[in-house]
Protein backbone atom coordinates (compact mmCIF):
# COMPACT_ATOMS: atom_id res chain seq x y z
CA MET A 1 5.44 -26.49 153.24
CA SER A 2 8.74 -26.31 151.33
CA LEU A 3 8.95 -28.15 148.03
CA ILE A 4 12.41 -26.89 147.07
CA GLN A 5 15.27 -25.82 149.31
CA VAL A 6 18.44 -24.39 147.81
CA LYS A 7 20.94 -23.98 150.62
CA ASN A 8 24.06 -21.83 150.18
CA VAL A 9 24.66 -23.28 146.71
CA SER A 10 27.65 -22.47 144.52
CA LYS A 11 28.24 -23.85 141.05
CA ILE A 12 31.68 -23.47 139.49
CA TYR A 13 32.47 -24.62 135.96
CA GLN A 14 36.07 -25.42 135.11
CA THR A 15 37.32 -25.01 131.54
CA GLY A 16 41.01 -25.77 131.44
CA GLU A 17 42.59 -23.31 133.84
CA VAL A 18 39.60 -20.96 133.78
CA SER A 19 36.97 -21.14 136.53
CA VAL A 20 33.53 -19.62 136.00
CA THR A 21 31.26 -19.11 139.00
CA ALA A 22 27.66 -19.48 137.82
CA LEU A 23 26.09 -19.48 141.31
CA ASN A 24 27.67 -17.96 144.39
CA GLY A 25 26.26 -19.00 147.77
CA LEU A 26 22.63 -18.78 146.63
CA SER A 27 19.80 -19.77 148.97
CA VAL A 28 16.08 -19.86 148.24
CA THR A 29 13.03 -21.79 149.45
CA ILE A 30 10.02 -22.45 147.21
CA GLY A 31 6.68 -23.75 148.40
CA GLN A 32 4.09 -25.93 146.72
CA THR A 33 1.74 -24.72 143.97
CA ALA A 34 3.87 -21.64 143.28
CA PHE A 35 4.29 -19.57 140.10
CA ILE A 36 7.86 -18.26 140.31
CA SER A 37 10.08 -16.25 137.97
CA PHE A 38 13.85 -15.95 138.16
CA VAL A 39 14.98 -12.89 136.23
CA GLY A 40 18.30 -11.21 135.57
CA PRO A 41 20.81 -10.51 132.82
CA SER A 42 22.40 -13.26 130.73
CA GLY A 43 25.04 -15.02 132.79
CA SER A 44 23.34 -14.23 136.11
CA GLY A 45 22.79 -17.93 136.88
CA LYS A 46 19.10 -18.41 136.07
CA SER A 47 19.45 -21.42 133.78
CA THR A 48 22.10 -22.99 136.02
CA LEU A 49 19.71 -22.79 138.96
CA LEU A 50 16.94 -24.47 136.97
CA ASN A 51 19.36 -27.21 135.90
CA LEU A 52 20.22 -27.91 139.53
CA ILE A 53 16.58 -28.00 140.63
CA GLY A 54 15.82 -30.29 137.70
CA SER A 55 18.65 -32.71 138.59
CA LEU A 56 20.39 -32.04 135.28
CA ASP A 57 23.48 -30.93 137.20
CA LYS A 58 24.85 -30.98 140.75
CA PRO A 59 26.09 -28.14 142.95
CA THR A 60 29.79 -27.62 143.58
CA LYS A 61 28.95 -26.57 147.13
CA GLY A 62 25.76 -26.48 149.18
CA ARG A 63 22.60 -28.56 148.93
CA VAL A 64 19.62 -28.68 146.61
CA ILE A 65 16.70 -30.56 148.15
CA VAL A 66 13.68 -31.13 145.91
CA ASN A 67 10.60 -32.95 147.18
CA ASP A 68 12.70 -34.21 150.14
CA VAL A 69 15.43 -35.59 147.82
CA ASP A 70 19.01 -34.30 148.04
CA ILE A 71 20.01 -33.93 144.38
CA ALA A 72 23.73 -34.44 145.09
CA THR A 73 23.12 -37.97 146.41
CA LEU A 74 21.64 -39.26 143.14
CA ASN A 75 23.60 -41.20 140.56
CA ARG A 76 22.85 -40.87 136.85
CA THR A 77 20.15 -43.55 136.80
CA GLN A 78 18.51 -42.22 139.95
CA SER A 79 18.60 -38.67 138.58
CA ALA A 80 16.83 -39.77 135.41
CA ALA A 81 14.16 -41.60 137.40
CA PHE A 82 13.73 -38.60 139.69
CA ARG A 83 13.28 -36.23 136.75
CA GLY A 84 10.80 -38.56 135.12
CA SER A 85 8.58 -38.79 138.18
CA THR A 86 8.94 -35.29 139.69
CA ILE A 87 9.95 -32.73 137.04
CA GLY A 88 8.41 -31.53 133.81
CA PHE A 89 10.37 -29.37 131.36
CA ILE A 90 9.25 -26.69 128.90
CA PHE A 91 11.93 -25.46 126.52
CA GLN A 92 12.36 -22.25 124.54
CA ASN A 93 12.71 -24.19 121.27
CA PHE A 94 9.89 -26.64 122.03
CA ASN A 95 12.12 -29.75 121.64
CA MET A 96 9.42 -31.76 119.91
CA ILE A 97 10.47 -35.00 118.19
CA PRO A 98 9.79 -34.39 114.48
CA VAL A 99 8.98 -38.00 113.54
CA LEU A 100 6.32 -38.31 116.25
CA THR A 101 2.79 -36.95 116.11
CA VAL A 102 1.45 -34.44 118.64
CA TYR A 103 -0.14 -37.32 120.57
CA GLU A 104 3.08 -39.34 120.51
CA ASN A 105 5.18 -36.38 121.64
CA VAL A 106 2.98 -35.98 124.71
CA GLU A 107 3.02 -39.73 125.32
CA TYR A 108 6.81 -39.99 125.10
CA PRO A 109 7.65 -39.16 128.76
CA LEU A 110 5.23 -41.87 129.92
CA LEU A 111 6.95 -44.45 127.72
CA MET A 112 10.33 -43.43 129.15
CA LEU A 113 8.93 -44.17 132.62
CA LYS A 114 7.78 -47.56 131.31
CA HIS A 115 4.21 -46.99 132.43
CA ASN A 116 2.19 -49.92 131.11
CA ALA A 117 -1.41 -48.79 131.58
CA LEU A 118 -2.04 -47.78 127.96
CA ASP A 119 -5.71 -46.98 128.55
CA ASP A 120 -4.70 -44.59 131.35
CA HIS A 121 -2.12 -43.11 128.98
CA ARG A 122 -4.71 -42.41 126.36
CA GLU A 123 -7.22 -40.84 128.72
CA ARG A 124 -4.66 -38.54 130.35
CA ILE A 125 -3.11 -37.48 127.03
CA PHE A 126 -6.53 -36.73 125.54
CA THR A 127 -7.48 -34.74 128.65
CA LEU A 128 -4.31 -32.64 128.56
CA LEU A 129 -4.46 -32.05 124.80
CA ASP A 130 -8.06 -30.93 125.20
CA LYS A 131 -7.12 -28.53 128.00
CA VAL A 132 -4.40 -26.89 125.88
CA GLY A 133 -6.69 -26.75 122.84
CA MET A 134 -4.76 -29.26 120.75
CA LEU A 135 -6.89 -32.39 120.79
CA ASP A 136 -8.05 -31.80 117.22
CA GLN A 137 -4.39 -31.61 116.15
CA LYS A 138 -3.30 -34.85 117.85
CA ASP A 139 -2.43 -36.71 114.64
CA LYS A 140 -0.36 -33.92 113.09
CA TYR A 141 3.43 -33.77 113.07
CA PRO A 142 5.45 -30.85 114.50
CA ASN A 143 6.16 -29.41 111.03
CA GLN A 144 2.40 -29.15 110.46
CA ILE A 145 1.62 -26.89 113.42
CA SER A 146 2.62 -23.37 114.48
CA GLY A 147 5.13 -22.33 117.12
CA GLY A 148 2.38 -21.40 119.54
CA GLN A 149 0.71 -24.77 119.01
CA LYS A 150 4.03 -26.53 119.62
CA GLN A 151 4.44 -24.71 122.92
CA ARG A 152 0.92 -25.69 123.98
CA VAL A 153 1.83 -29.29 123.20
CA ALA A 154 4.99 -28.80 125.26
CA VAL A 155 2.85 -27.74 128.23
CA ALA A 156 0.78 -30.91 127.90
CA ARG A 157 3.93 -33.02 127.58
CA ALA A 158 5.45 -31.42 130.68
CA LEU A 159 2.35 -32.26 132.72
CA VAL A 160 1.61 -35.76 131.43
CA THR A 161 3.57 -37.52 134.20
CA ASN A 162 1.75 -35.41 136.80
CA PRO A 163 4.98 -33.79 138.05
CA LYS A 164 5.13 -31.66 141.17
CA ILE A 165 7.34 -29.11 139.40
CA VAL A 166 7.53 -27.72 135.86
CA LEU A 167 10.73 -25.90 134.91
CA ALA A 168 10.47 -23.52 131.98
CA ASP A 169 13.51 -21.85 130.45
CA GLU A 170 12.40 -18.84 128.34
CA PRO A 171 9.22 -20.68 127.26
CA THR A 172 7.66 -17.70 125.45
CA ALA A 173 10.75 -16.26 123.78
CA ASN A 174 9.78 -17.54 120.32
CA LEU A 175 6.09 -16.67 120.56
CA ASP A 176 4.17 -13.59 119.48
CA HIS A 177 2.48 -11.44 122.14
CA LYS A 178 -1.02 -12.91 121.85
CA THR A 179 0.15 -16.52 121.72
CA ALA A 180 2.50 -16.00 124.68
CA PHE A 181 -0.38 -14.76 126.83
CA LYS A 182 -2.45 -17.79 125.80
CA VAL A 183 0.33 -20.18 126.84
CA ILE A 184 0.83 -18.36 130.16
CA SER A 185 -2.92 -18.52 130.81
CA ILE A 186 -2.91 -22.27 130.17
CA MET A 187 -0.04 -22.73 132.64
CA HIS A 188 -1.92 -20.74 135.29
CA GLU A 189 -4.96 -22.96 134.77
CA MET A 190 -2.81 -26.07 135.13
CA GLN A 191 -1.20 -24.67 138.28
CA LYS A 192 -4.60 -24.22 139.90
CA GLU A 193 -6.11 -27.50 138.68
CA PHE A 194 -3.19 -29.86 139.28
CA GLY A 195 -1.32 -28.04 142.07
CA THR A 196 1.82 -27.85 139.94
CA THR A 197 4.65 -25.49 140.85
CA PHE A 198 5.87 -23.56 137.79
CA ILE A 199 9.37 -22.08 137.87
CA PHE A 200 10.58 -19.85 135.04
CA SER A 201 13.92 -18.52 133.93
CA THR A 202 12.98 -15.60 131.74
CA HIS A 203 13.52 -12.10 130.42
CA ASP A 204 9.89 -11.91 129.24
CA THR A 205 7.90 -9.24 131.07
CA LYS A 206 4.68 -11.07 130.21
CA ILE A 207 5.69 -13.98 132.46
CA VAL A 208 7.23 -11.70 135.08
CA ASP A 209 3.99 -9.74 135.36
CA GLU A 210 2.05 -12.97 136.00
CA ALA A 211 4.45 -14.42 138.58
CA GLU A 212 3.51 -14.61 142.25
CA ILE A 213 7.13 -14.20 143.36
CA ILE A 214 9.99 -12.69 141.35
CA TYR A 215 13.61 -13.31 142.24
CA THR A 216 16.26 -11.13 140.60
CA LEU A 217 19.69 -12.69 140.11
CA GLU A 218 23.00 -10.95 139.53
CA ASP A 219 26.40 -12.63 139.41
CA GLY A 220 25.00 -15.91 140.70
CA ALA A 221 23.18 -14.52 143.73
CA ILE A 222 19.68 -13.32 144.54
CA VAL A 223 19.70 -9.55 144.94
CA ASN A 224 15.96 -8.90 145.18
CA GLN A 225 12.69 -10.66 145.94
CA GLU A 226 9.28 -9.27 144.99
CA ILE A 227 6.06 -10.88 146.23
CA LYS A 228 2.86 -10.04 144.36
CA VAL A 229 0.27 -9.80 147.12
CA ASN A 230 -2.61 -9.68 144.65
CA LYS A 231 -1.70 -12.98 143.00
């Protein structure tokens, strides 16, 4: 069953009189519980594609349908609500809020959704922090933990709303080799346990090697697809 359908999508950015084509008639279908990598050189359109899937932007042409919702039909408020309920994000630079503790950083997306069941909050946050090995660090602030620990917290934060999709833009770029493998392993475990689809934009061969399907982008189009039959 298709979770994401990108249909003949183009994205053109206009800066003054200069037009830049980030995506050029791209089409791709992604199923549920997938572990996908989009790879390609800088400027190939990887991050733009993730932004469209995540409802952070809208296509110039074509359609992006995510969980049966046509992204182009959403206004700003609807897009924010859609992201909050359907999409989790993991960023290269962690994007933790420095004045909040580890626990509060993970809790933050739930507060933005105005979920009121605080007891349910607490149980889910504790469960996720335990799964990523950060429960004993829950009261620390971001400046008191390492980069690898921050990224593990980011995984928990991305999953706390129980999203169908997690979008990760170069999530291991700032991590050492051992820590990167630990974070990737955690994401695989979460994929299997929660049925989450993980979609990466990356240059990191460690993620590419673990992906079930690899799409190579050049000049805003998919030029190759590799399916790992052993995954």
